Amino acid sequence: DDELWRGWANDRATTLKPDAFTTERLPLDPTDRAARWALVALALAH
């Protein structure tokens, strides 16, 4: 019932959901190295 899942057709983590999740999380903690690298990986994949 978390906001992240609203509006999606399913409740499985596809590459679009972590992209949204991480994009929202990184500004809250700009030092989050894992989030930053995950977004780089997603950018490359997309």
ModelCIF file with pLDDT and N, C-alpha, C, O atoms, coordinates in Angstrom:
data_MODEL
#
_entry.id   MODEL 
#
_entity.id                         1 
_entity.type                       polymer 
_entity.pdbx_number_of_molecules   1 
#
_entity_poly.entity_id                      1 
_entity_poly.type                           'polypeptide(L)' 
_entity_poly.nstd_linkage                   no 
_entity_poly.nstd_monomer                   no 
_entity_poly.pdbx_seq_one_letter_code       DDELWRGWANDRATTLKPDAFTTERLPLDPTDRAARWALVALALAH 
_entity_poly.pdbx_seq_one_letter_code_can   DDELWRGWANDRATTLKPDAFTTERLPLDPTDRAARWALVALALAH 
_entity_poly.pdbx_strand_id                 A 
#
loop_
_entity_poly_seq.entity_id 
_entity_poly_seq.num 
_entity_poly_seq.mon_id 
_entity_poly_seq.hetero 
1 1  ASP n 
1 2  ASP n 
1 3  GLU n 
1 4  LEU n 
1 5  TRP n 
1 6  ARG n 
1 7  GLY n 
1 8  TRP n 
1 9  ALA n 
1 10 ASN n 
1 11 ASP n 
1 12 ARG n 
1 13 ALA n 
1 14 THR n 
1 15 THR n 
1 16 LEU n 
1 17 LYS n 
1 18 PRO n 
1 19 ASP n 
1 20 ALA n 
1 21 PHE n 
1 22 THR n 
1 23 THR n 
1 24 GLU n 
1 25 ARG n 
1 26 LEU n 
1 27 PRO n 
1 28 LEU n 
1 29 ASP n 
1 30 PRO n 
1 31 THR n 
1 32 ASP n 
1 33 ARG n 
1 34 ALA n 
1 35 ALA n 
1 36 ARG n 
1 37 TRP n 
1 38 ALA n 
1 39 LEU n 
1 40 VAL n 
1 41 ALA n 
1 42 LEU n 
1 43 ALA n 
1 44 LEU n 
1 45 ALA n 
1 46 HIS n 
#
_struct_asym.id          A 
_struct_asym.entity_id   1 
#
loop_
_ma_qa_metric.id 
_ma_qa_metric.mode 
_ma_qa_metric.name 
_ma_qa_metric.software_group_id 
_ma_qa_metric.type 
1 global pLDDT . pLDDT 
2 local  pLDDT . pLDDT 
#
_ma_qa_metric_global.metric_id      1 
_ma_qa_metric_global.metric_value   80.04 
_ma_qa_metric_global.model_id       1 
_ma_qa_metric_global.ordinal_id     1 
#
loop_
_ma_qa_metric_local.label_asym_id 
_ma_qa_metric_local.label_comp_id 
_ma_qa_metric_local.label_seq_id 
_ma_qa_metric_local.metric_id 
_ma_qa_metric_local.metric_value 
_ma_qa_metric_local.model_id 
_ma_qa_metric_local.ordinal_id 
A ASP 1  2 85.00 1 1  
A ASP 2  2 82.00 1 2  
A GLU 3  2 80.00 1 3  
A LEU 4  2 75.00 1 4  
A TRP 5  2 78.00 1 5  
A ARG 6  2 79.00 1 6  
A GLY 7  2 77.00 1 7  
A TRP 8  2 73.00 1 8  
A ALA 9  2 70.00 1 9  
A ASN 10 2 76.00 1 10 
A ASP 11 2 73.00 1 11 
A ARG 12 2 73.00 1 12 
A ALA 13 2 69.00 1 13 
A THR 14 2 72.00 1 14 
A THR 15 2 68.00 1 15 
A LEU 16 2 70.00 1 16 
A LYS 17 2 72.00 1 17 
A PRO 18 2 72.00 1 18 
A ASP 19 2 76.00 1 19 
A ALA 20 2 77.00 1 20 
A PHE 21 2 79.00 1 21 
A THR 22 2 82.00 1 22 
A THR 23 2 82.00 1 23 
A GLU 24 2 83.00 1 24 
A ARG 25 2 82.00 1 25 
A LEU 26 2 85.00 1 26 
A PRO 27 2 87.00 1 27 
A LEU 28 2 89.00 1 28 
A ASP 29 2 89.00 1 29 
A PRO 30 2 84.00 1 30 
A THR 31 2 84.00 1 31 
A ASP 32 2 85.00 1 32 
A ARG 33 2 84.00 1 33 
A ALA 34 2 84.00 1 34 
A ALA 35 2 85.00 1 35 
A ARG 36 2 85.00 1 36 
A TRP 37 2 85.00 1 37 
A ALA 38 2 85.00 1 38 
A LEU 39 2 85.00 1 39 
A VAL 40 2 85.00 1 40 
A ALA 41 2 85.00 1 41 
A LEU 42 2 84.00 1 42 
A ALA 43 2 85.00 1 43 
A LEU 44 2 83.00 1 44 
A ALA 45 2 80.00 1 45 
A HIS 46 2 79.00 1 46 
#
loop_
_atom_site.group_PDB 
_atom_site.id 
_atom_site.type_symbol 
_atom_site.label_atom_id 
_atom_site.label_alt_id 
_atom_site.label_comp_id 
_atom_site.label_asym_id 
_atom_site.label_entity_id 
_atom_site.label_seq_id 
_atom_site.pdbx_PDB_ins_code 
_atom_site.Cartn_x 
_atom_site.Cartn_y 
_atom_site.Cartn_z 
_atom_site.occupancy 
_atom_site.B_iso_or_equiv 
_atom_site.pdbx_formal_charge 
_atom_site.auth_seq_id 
_atom_site.auth_comp_id 
_atom_site.auth_asym_id 
_atom_site.auth_atom_id 
_atom_site.pdbx_PDB_model_num 
ATOM 1   N N  . ASP A 1 1  ? 0.821  -1.209 0.000   1.00 85.00 ? 1  ASP A N  1 
ATOM 2   C CA . ASP A 1 1  ? 0.000  0.000  0.000   1.00 85.00 ? 1  ASP A CA 1 
ATOM 3   C C  . ASP A 1 1  ? 0.865  1.274  0.000   1.00 85.00 ? 1  ASP A C  1 
ATOM 4   O O  . ASP A 1 1  ? 0.340  2.382  0.103   1.00 85.00 ? 1  ASP A O  1 
ATOM 5   N N  . ASP A 1 2  ? 2.198  1.108  -0.117  1.00 82.00 ? 2  ASP A N  1 
ATOM 6   C CA . ASP A 1 2  ? 3.097  2.256  -0.209  1.00 82.00 ? 2  ASP A CA 1 
ATOM 7   C C  . ASP A 1 2  ? 2.842  3.004  -1.519  1.00 82.00 ? 2  ASP A C  1 
ATOM 8   O O  . ASP A 1 2  ? 2.426  2.413  -2.516  1.00 82.00 ? 2  ASP A O  1 
ATOM 9   N N  . GLU A 1 3  ? 3.096  4.306  -1.496  1.00 80.00 ? 3  GLU A N  1 
ATOM 10  C CA . GLU A 1 3  ? 2.894  5.166  -2.654  1.00 80.00 ? 3  GLU A CA 1 
ATOM 11  C C  . GLU A 1 3  ? 3.608  4.643  -3.909  1.00 80.00 ? 3  GLU A C  1 
ATOM 12  O O  . GLU A 1 3  ? 3.107  4.801  -5.023  1.00 80.00 ? 3  GLU A O  1 
ATOM 13  N N  . LEU A 1 4  ? 4.774  4.023  -3.725  1.00 75.00 ? 4  LEU A N  1 
ATOM 14  C CA . LEU A 1 4  ? 5.532  3.517  -4.867  1.00 75.00 ? 4  LEU A CA 1 
ATOM 15  C C  . LEU A 1 4  ? 4.713  2.573  -5.740  1.00 75.00 ? 4  LEU A C  1 
ATOM 16  O O  . LEU A 1 4  ? 4.855  2.579  -6.963  1.00 75.00 ? 4  LEU A O  1 
ATOM 17  N N  . TRP A 1 5  ? 3.858  1.763  -5.121  1.00 78.00 ? 5  TRP A N  1 
ATOM 18  C CA . TRP A 1 5  ? 3.123  0.736  -5.860  1.00 78.00 ? 5  TRP A CA 1 
ATOM 19  C C  . TRP A 1 5  ? 1.865  1.265  -6.541  1.00 78.00 ? 5  TRP A C  1 
ATOM 20  O O  . TRP A 1 5  ? 1.300  0.586  -7.398  1.00 78.00 ? 5  TRP A O  1 
ATOM 21  N N  . ARG A 1 6  ? 1.419  2.463  -6.174  1.00 79.00 ? 6  ARG A N  1 
ATOM 22  C CA . ARG A 1 6  ? 0.175  2.992  -6.758  1.00 79.00 ? 6  ARG A CA 1 
ATOM 23  C C  . ARG A 1 6  ? 0.356  3.320  -8.236  1.00 79.00 ? 6  ARG A C  1 
ATOM 24  O O  . ARG A 1 6  ? 1.356  3.919  -8.633  1.00 79.00 ? 6  ARG A O  1 
ATOM 25  N N  . GLY A 1 7  ? -0.603 2.930  -9.025  1.00 77.00 ? 7  GLY A N  1 
ATOM 26  C CA . GLY A 1 7  ? -0.588 3.246  -10.449 1.00 77.00 ? 7  GLY A CA 1 
ATOM 27  C C  . GLY A 1 7  ? 0.131  2.243  -11.322 1.00 77.00 ? 7  GLY A C  1 
ATOM 28  O O  . GLY A 1 7  ? 0.132  2.386  -12.545 1.00 77.00 ? 7  GLY A O  1 
ATOM 29  N N  . TRP A 1 8  ? 0.747  1.221  -10.727 1.00 73.00 ? 8  TRP A N  1 
ATOM 30  C CA . TRP A 1 8  ? 1.423  0.204  -11.517 1.00 73.00 ? 8  TRP A CA 1 
ATOM 31  C C  . TRP A 1 8  ? 0.471  -0.970 -11.758 1.00 73.00 ? 8  TRP A C  1 
ATOM 32  O O  . TRP A 1 8  ? -0.429 -1.223 -10.958 1.00 73.00 ? 8  TRP A O  1 
ATOM 33  N N  . ALA A 1 9  ? 0.672  -1.662 -12.837 1.00 70.00 ? 9  ALA A N  1 
ATOM 34  C CA . ALA A 1 9  ? -0.192 -2.789 -13.186 1.00 70.00 ? 9  ALA A CA 1 
ATOM 35  C C  . ALA A 1 9  ? 0.059  -4.007 -12.294 1.00 70.00 ? 9  ALA A C  1 
ATOM 36  O O  . ALA A 1 9  ? -0.816 -4.861 -12.150 1.00 70.00 ? 9  ALA A O  1 
ATOM 37  N N  . ASN A 1 10 ? 1.239  -4.087 -11.701 1.00 76.00 ? 10 ASN A N  1 
ATOM 38  C CA . ASN A 1 10 ? 1.543  -5.237 -10.841 1.00 76.00 ? 10 ASN A CA 1 
ATOM 39  C C  . ASN A 1 10 ? 2.392  -4.776 -9.662  1.00 76.00 ? 10 ASN A C  1 
ATOM 40  O O  . ASN A 1 10 ? 2.821  -3.625 -9.593  1.00 76.00 ? 10 ASN A O  1 
ATOM 41  N N  . ASP A 1 11 ? 2.618  -5.685 -8.756  1.00 73.00 ? 11 ASP A N  1 
ATOM 42  C CA . ASP A 1 11 ? 3.418  -5.323 -7.577  1.00 73.00 ? 11 ASP A CA 1 
ATOM 43  C C  . ASP A 1 11 ? 4.765  -6.055 -7.578  1.00 73.00 ? 11 ASP A C  1 
ATOM 44  O O  . ASP A 1 11 ? 5.242  -6.503 -6.535  1.00 73.00 ? 11 ASP A O  1 
ATOM 45  N N  . ARG A 1 12 ? 5.355  -6.164 -8.738  1.00 73.00 ? 12 ARG A N  1 
ATOM 46  C CA . ARG A 1 12 ? 6.686  -6.757 -8.859  1.00 73.00 ? 12 ARG A CA 1 
ATOM 47  C C  . ARG A 1 12 ? 7.683  -5.659 -9.218  1.00 73.00 ? 12 ARG A C  1 
ATOM 48  O O  . ARG A 1 12 ? 7.345  -4.684 -9.889  1.00 73.00 ? 12 ARG A O  1 
ATOM 49  N N  . ALA A 1 13 ? 8.907  -5.839 -8.761  1.00 69.00 ? 13 ALA A N  1 
ATOM 50  C CA . ALA A 1 13 ? 9.953  -4.846 -9.042  1.00 69.00 ? 13 ALA A CA 1 
ATOM 51  C C  . ALA A 1 13 ? 10.498 -5.053 -10.448 1.00 69.00 ? 13 ALA A C  1 
ATOM 52  O O  . ALA A 1 13 ? 11.248 -5.995 -10.704 1.00 69.00 ? 13 ALA A O  1 
ATOM 53  N N  . THR A 1 14 ? 10.116 -4.169 -11.348 1.00 72.00 ? 14 THR A N  1 
ATOM 54  C CA . THR A 1 14 ? 10.703 -4.133 -12.679 1.00 72.00 ? 14 THR A CA 1 
ATOM 55  C C  . THR A 1 14 ? 11.739 -3.013 -12.674 1.00 72.00 ? 14 THR A C  1 
ATOM 56  O O  . THR A 1 14 ? 11.893 -2.341 -11.654 1.00 72.00 ? 14 THR A O  1 
ATOM 57  N N  . THR A 1 15 ? 12.445 -2.792 -13.761 1.00 68.00 ? 15 THR A N  1 
ATOM 58  C CA . THR A 1 15 ? 13.466 -1.743 -13.739 1.00 68.00 ? 15 THR A CA 1 
ATOM 59  C C  . THR A 1 15 ? 12.870 -0.356 -13.597 1.00 68.00 ? 15 THR A C  1 
ATOM 60  O O  . THR A 1 15 ? 13.576 0.561  -13.177 1.00 68.00 ? 15 THR A O  1 
ATOM 61  N N  . LEU A 1 16 ? 11.612 -0.165 -13.925 1.00 70.00 ? 16 LEU A N  1 
ATOM 62  C CA . LEU A 1 16 ? 11.004 1.160  -13.788 1.00 70.00 ? 16 LEU A CA 1 
ATOM 63  C C  . LEU A 1 16 ? 10.718 1.516  -12.334 1.00 70.00 ? 16 LEU A C  1 
ATOM 64  O O  . LEU A 1 16 ? 10.868 2.672  -11.938 1.00 70.00 ? 16 LEU A O  1 
ATOM 65  N N  . LYS A 1 17 ? 10.312 0.544  -11.548 1.00 72.00 ? 17 LYS A N  1 
ATOM 66  C CA . LYS A 1 17 ? 9.995  0.838  -10.136 1.00 72.00 ? 17 LYS A CA 1 
ATOM 67  C C  . LYS A 1 17 ? 11.240 1.201  -9.334  1.00 72.00 ? 17 LYS A C  1 
ATOM 68  O O  . LYS A 1 17 ? 11.217 2.202  -8.617  1.00 72.00 ? 17 LYS A O  1 
ATOM 69  N N  . PRO A 1 18 ? 12.328 0.430  -9.422  1.00 72.00 ? 18 PRO A N  1 
ATOM 70  C CA . PRO A 1 18 ? 13.529 0.861  -8.688  1.00 72.00 ? 18 PRO A CA 1 
ATOM 71  C C  . PRO A 1 18 ? 14.054 2.205  -9.181  1.00 72.00 ? 18 PRO A C  1 
ATOM 72  O O  . PRO A 1 18 ? 14.612 2.972  -8.396  1.00 72.00 ? 18 PRO A O  1 
ATOM 73  N N  . ASP A 1 19 ? 13.884 2.501  -10.463 1.00 76.00 ? 19 ASP A N  1 
ATOM 74  C CA . ASP A 1 19 ? 14.312 3.794  -10.986 1.00 76.00 ? 19 ASP A CA 1 
ATOM 75  C C  . ASP A 1 19 ? 13.558 4.913  -10.263 1.00 76.00 ? 19 ASP A C  1 
ATOM 76  O O  . ASP A 1 19 ? 14.169 5.886  -9.821  1.00 76.00 ? 19 ASP A O  1 
ATOM 77  N N  . ALA A 1 20 ? 12.253 4.782  -10.143 1.00 77.00 ? 20 ALA A N  1 
ATOM 78  C CA . ALA A 1 20 ? 11.440 5.786  -9.442  1.00 77.00 ? 20 ALA A CA 1 
ATOM 79  C C  . ALA A 1 20 ? 11.804 5.831  -7.961  1.00 77.00 ? 20 ALA A C  1 
ATOM 80  O O  . ALA A 1 20 ? 11.954 6.911  -7.390  1.00 77.00 ? 20 ALA A O  1 
ATOM 81  N N  . PHE A 1 21 ? 11.944 4.676  -7.347  1.00 79.00 ? 21 PHE A N  1 
ATOM 82  C CA . PHE A 1 21 ? 12.273 4.550  -5.928  1.00 79.00 ? 21 PHE A CA 1 
ATOM 83  C C  . PHE A 1 21 ? 13.613 5.229  -5.623  1.00 79.00 ? 21 PHE A C  1 
ATOM 84  O O  . PHE A 1 21 ? 13.719 6.001  -4.670  1.00 79.00 ? 21 PHE A O  1 
ATOM 85  N N  . THR A 1 22 ? 14.625 4.939  -6.431  1.00 82.00 ? 22 THR A N  1 
ATOM 86  C CA . THR A 1 22 ? 15.964 5.469  -6.191  1.00 82.00 ? 22 THR A CA 1 
ATOM 87  C C  . THR A 1 22 ? 16.055 6.946  -6.535  1.00 82.00 ? 22 THR A C  1 
ATOM 88  O O  . THR A 1 22 ? 16.736 7.703  -5.843  1.00 82.00 ? 22 THR A O  1 
ATOM 89  N N  . THR A 1 23 ? 15.383 7.360  -7.589  1.00 82.00 ? 23 THR A N  1 
ATOM 90  C CA . THR A 1 23 ? 15.387 8.769  -7.976  1.00 82.00 ? 23 THR A CA 1 
ATOM 91  C C  . THR A 1 23 ? 14.791 9.628  -6.871  1.00 82.00 ? 23 THR A C  1 
ATOM 92  O O  . THR A 1 23 ? 15.250 10.748 -6.650  1.00 82.00 ? 23 THR A O  1 
ATOM 93  N N  . GLU A 1 24 ? 13.785 9.128  -6.177  1.00 83.00 ? 24 GLU A N  1 
ATOM 94  C CA . GLU A 1 24 ? 13.193 9.865  -5.061  1.00 83.00 ? 24 GLU A CA 1 
ATOM 95  C C  . GLU A 1 24 ? 14.089 9.818  -3.828  1.00 83.00 ? 24 GLU A C  1 
ATOM 96  O O  . GLU A 1 24 ? 14.118 10.770 -3.047  1.00 83.00 ? 24 GLU A O  1 
ATOM 97  N N  . ARG A 1 25 ? 14.816 8.726  -3.648  1.00 82.00 ? 25 ARG A N  1 
ATOM 98  C CA . ARG A 1 25 ? 15.627 8.535  -2.450  1.00 82.00 ? 25 ARG A CA 1 
ATOM 99  C C  . ARG A 1 25 ? 16.934 9.320  -2.488  1.00 82.00 ? 25 ARG A C  1 
ATOM 100 O O  . ARG A 1 25 ? 17.366 9.836  -1.457  1.00 82.00 ? 25 ARG A O  1 
ATOM 101 N N  . LEU A 1 26 ? 17.567 9.421  -3.644  1.00 85.00 ? 26 LEU A N  1 
ATOM 102 C CA . LEU A 1 26 ? 18.880 10.056 -3.722  1.00 85.00 ? 26 LEU A CA 1 
ATOM 103 C C  . LEU A 1 26 ? 18.886 11.505 -3.224  1.00 85.00 ? 26 LEU A C  1 
ATOM 104 O O  . LEU A 1 26 ? 19.817 11.873 -2.508  1.00 85.00 ? 26 LEU A O  1 
ATOM 105 N N  . PRO A 1 27 ? 17.913 12.340 -3.558  1.00 87.00 ? 27 PRO A N  1 
ATOM 106 C CA . PRO A 1 27 ? 17.942 13.714 -3.018  1.00 87.00 ? 27 PRO A CA 1 
ATOM 107 C C  . PRO A 1 27 ? 17.844 13.762 -1.489  1.00 87.00 ? 27 PRO A C  1 
ATOM 108 O O  . PRO A 1 27 ? 18.313 14.717 -0.870  1.00 87.00 ? 27 PRO A O  1 
ATOM 109 N N  . LEU A 1 28 ? 17.246 12.753 -0.886  1.00 89.00 ? 28 LEU A N  1 
ATOM 110 C CA . LEU A 1 28 ? 17.156 12.714 0.574   1.00 89.00 ? 28 LEU A CA 1 
ATOM 111 C C  . LEU A 1 28 ? 18.503 12.420 1.213   1.00 89.00 ? 28 LEU A C  1 
ATOM 112 O O  . LEU A 1 28 ? 18.782 12.859 2.328   1.00 89.00 ? 28 LEU A O  1 
ATOM 113 N N  . ASP A 1 29 ? 19.341 11.666 0.491   1.00 89.00 ? 29 ASP A N  1 
ATOM 114 C CA . ASP A 1 29 ? 20.691 11.362 0.968   1.00 89.00 ? 29 ASP A CA 1 
ATOM 115 C C  . ASP A 1 29 ? 21.648 11.366 -0.218  1.00 89.00 ? 29 ASP A C  1 
ATOM 116 O O  . ASP A 1 29 ? 21.909 10.316 -0.804  1.00 89.00 ? 29 ASP A O  1 
ATOM 117 N N  . PRO A 1 30 ? 22.173 12.537 -0.578  1.00 84.00 ? 30 PRO A N  1 
ATOM 118 C CA . PRO A 1 30 ? 23.064 12.636 -1.728  1.00 84.00 ? 30 PRO A CA 1 
ATOM 119 C C  . PRO A 1 30 ? 24.352 11.820 -1.599  1.00 84.00 ? 30 PRO A C  1 
ATOM 120 O O  . PRO A 1 30 ? 25.060 11.615 -2.584  1.00 84.00 ? 30 PRO A O  1 
ATOM 121 N N  . THR A 1 31 ? 24.655 11.356 -0.381  1.00 84.00 ? 31 THR A N  1 
ATOM 122 C CA . THR A 1 31 ? 25.858 10.544 -0.188  1.00 84.00 ? 31 THR A CA 1 
ATOM 123 C C  . THR A 1 31 ? 25.589 9.058  -0.409  1.00 84.00 ? 31 THR A C  1 
ATOM 124 O O  . THR A 1 31 ? 26.496 8.240  -0.260  1.00 84.00 ? 31 THR A O  1 
ATOM 125 N N  . ASP A 1 32 ? 24.375 8.704  -0.754  1.00 85.00 ? 32 ASP A N  1 
ATOM 126 C CA . ASP A 1 32 ? 24.001 7.299  -0.951  1.00 85.00 ? 32 ASP A CA 1 
ATOM 127 C C  . ASP A 1 32 ? 24.655 6.768  -2.234  1.00 85.00 ? 32 ASP A C  1 
ATOM 128 O O  . ASP A 1 32 ? 24.106 6.886  -3.330  1.00 85.00 ? 32 ASP A O  1 
ATOM 129 N N  . ARG A 1 33 ? 25.829 6.188  -2.062  1.00 84.00 ? 33 ARG A N  1 
ATOM 130 C CA . ARG A 1 33 ? 26.627 5.720  -3.203  1.00 84.00 ? 33 ARG A CA 1 
ATOM 131 C C  . ARG A 1 33 ? 25.915 4.601  -3.965  1.00 84.00 ? 33 ARG A C  1 
ATOM 132 O O  . ARG A 1 33 ? 25.966 4.567  -5.195  1.00 84.00 ? 33 ARG A O  1 
ATOM 133 N N  . ALA A 1 34 ? 25.263 3.697  -3.262  1.00 84.00 ? 34 ALA A N  1 
ATOM 134 C CA . ALA A 1 34 ? 24.569 2.589  -3.927  1.00 84.00 ? 34 ALA A CA 1 
ATOM 135 C C  . ALA A 1 34 ? 23.445 3.112  -4.816  1.00 84.00 ? 34 ALA A C  1 
ATOM 136 O O  . ALA A 1 34 ? 23.261 2.640  -5.938  1.00 84.00 ? 34 ALA A O  1 
ATOM 137 N N  . ALA A 1 35 ? 22.705 4.077  -4.316  1.00 85.00 ? 35 ALA A N  1 
ATOM 138 C CA . ALA A 1 35 ? 21.619 4.655  -5.110  1.00 85.00 ? 35 ALA A CA 1 
ATOM 139 C C  . ALA A 1 35 ? 22.176 5.323  -6.360  1.00 85.00 ? 35 ALA A C  1 
ATOM 140 O O  . ALA A 1 35 ? 21.627 5.169  -7.451  1.00 85.00 ? 35 ALA A O  1 
ATOM 141 N N  . ARG A 1 36 ? 23.248 6.050  -6.200  1.00 85.00 ? 36 ARG A N  1 
ATOM 142 C CA . ARG A 1 36 ? 23.865 6.741  -7.332  1.00 85.00 ? 36 ARG A CA 1 
ATOM 143 C C  . ARG A 1 36 ? 24.313 5.742  -8.402  1.00 85.00 ? 36 ARG A C  1 
ATOM 144 O O  . ARG A 1 36 ? 24.031 5.934  -9.585  1.00 85.00 ? 36 ARG A O  1 
ATOM 145 N N  . TRP A 1 37 ? 25.008 4.681  -7.991  1.00 85.00 ? 37 TRP A N  1 
ATOM 146 C CA . TRP A 1 37 ? 25.482 3.690  -8.953  1.00 85.00 ? 37 TRP A CA 1 
ATOM 147 C C  . TRP A 1 37 ? 24.328 2.912  -9.579  1.00 85.00 ? 37 TRP A C  1 
ATOM 148 O O  . TRP A 1 37 ? 24.394 2.547  -10.753 1.00 85.00 ? 37 TRP A O  1 
ATOM 149 N N  . ALA A 1 38 ? 23.288 2.659  -8.819  1.00 85.00 ? 38 ALA A N  1 
ATOM 150 C CA . ALA A 1 38 ? 22.118 1.978  -9.382  1.00 85.00 ? 38 ALA A CA 1 
ATOM 151 C C  . ALA A 1 38 ? 21.479 2.829  -10.473 1.00 85.00 ? 38 ALA A C  1 
ATOM 152 O O  . ALA A 1 38 ? 21.059 2.306  -11.505 1.00 85.00 ? 38 ALA A O  1 
ATOM 153 N N  . LEU A 1 39 ? 21.405 4.143  -10.248 1.00 85.00 ? 39 LEU A N  1 
ATOM 154 C CA . LEU A 1 39 ? 20.841 5.025  -11.266 1.00 85.00 ? 39 LEU A CA 1 
ATOM 155 C C  . LEU A 1 39 ? 21.725 5.078  -12.508 1.00 85.00 ? 39 LEU A C  1 
ATOM 156 O O  . LEU A 1 39 ? 21.215 5.200  -13.622 1.00 85.00 ? 39 LEU A O  1 
ATOM 157 N N  . VAL A 1 40 ? 23.034 4.990  -12.334 1.00 85.00 ? 40 VAL A N  1 
ATOM 158 C CA . VAL A 1 40 ? 23.933 4.922  -13.491 1.00 85.00 ? 40 VAL A CA 1 
ATOM 159 C C  . VAL A 1 40 ? 23.657 3.639  -14.269 1.00 85.00 ? 40 VAL A C  1 
ATOM 160 O O  . VAL A 1 40 ? 23.555 3.663  -15.496 1.00 85.00 ? 40 VAL A O  1 
ATOM 161 N N  . ALA A 1 41 ? 23.537 2.525  -13.561 1.00 85.00 ? 41 ALA A N  1 
ATOM 162 C CA . ALA A 1 41 ? 23.254 1.247  -14.227 1.00 85.00 ? 41 ALA A CA 1 
ATOM 163 C C  . ALA A 1 41 ? 21.924 1.303  -14.975 1.00 85.00 ? 41 ALA A C  1 
ATOM 164 O O  . ALA A 1 41 ? 21.826 0.828  -16.106 1.00 85.00 ? 41 ALA A O  1 
ATOM 165 N N  . LEU A 1 42 ? 20.910 1.879  -14.351 1.00 84.00 ? 42 LEU A N  1 
ATOM 166 C CA . LEU A 1 42 ? 19.603 1.991  -15.010 1.00 84.00 ? 42 LEU A CA 1 
ATOM 167 C C  . LEU A 1 42 ? 19.675 2.917  -16.218 1.00 84.00 ? 42 LEU A C  1 
ATOM 168 O O  . LEU A 1 42 ? 19.045 2.653  -17.242 1.00 84.00 ? 42 LEU A O  1 
ATOM 169 N N  . ALA A 1 43 ? 20.442 4.005  -16.105 1.00 85.00 ? 43 ALA A N  1 
ATOM 170 C CA . ALA A 1 43 ? 20.594 4.913  -17.244 1.00 85.00 ? 43 ALA A CA 1 
ATOM 171 C C  . ALA A 1 43 ? 21.254 4.188  -18.414 1.00 85.00 ? 43 ALA A C  1 
ATOM 172 O O  . ALA A 1 43 ? 20.843 4.350  -19.563 1.00 85.00 ? 43 ALA A O  1 
ATOM 173 N N  . LEU A 1 44 ? 22.268 3.397  -18.120 1.00 83.00 ? 44 LEU A N  1 
ATOM 174 C CA . LEU A 1 44 ? 22.925 2.620  -19.177 1.00 83.00 ? 44 LEU A CA 1 
ATOM 175 C C  . LEU A 1 44 ? 21.959 1.612  -19.786 1.00 83.00 ? 44 LEU A C  1 
ATOM 176 O O  . LEU A 1 44 ? 21.900 1.454  -21.005 1.00 83.00 ? 44 LEU A O  1 
ATOM 177 N N  . ALA A 1 45 ? 21.208 0.936  -18.934 1.00 80.00 ? 45 ALA A N  1 
ATOM 178 C CA . ALA A 1 45 ? 20.251 -0.070 -19.419 1.00 80.00 ? 45 ALA A CA 1 
ATOM 179 C C  . ALA A 1 45 ? 19.155 0.552  -20.272 1.00 80.00 ? 45 ALA A C  1 
ATOM 180 O O  . ALA A 1 45 ? 18.671 -0.065 -21.220 1.00 80.00 ? 45 ALA A O  1 
ATOM 181 N N  . HIS A 1 46 ? 18.768 1.774  -19.930 1.00 79.00 ? 46 HIS A N  1 
ATOM 182 C CA . HIS A 1 46 ? 17.699 2.447  -20.663 1.00 79.00 ? 46 HIS A CA 1 
ATOM 183 C C  . HIS A 1 46 ? 18.211 3.275  -21.835 1.00 79.00 ? 46 HIS A C  1 
ATOM 184 O O  . HIS A 1 46 ? 17.420 3.898  -22.543 1.00 79.00 ? 46 HIS A O  1 
#
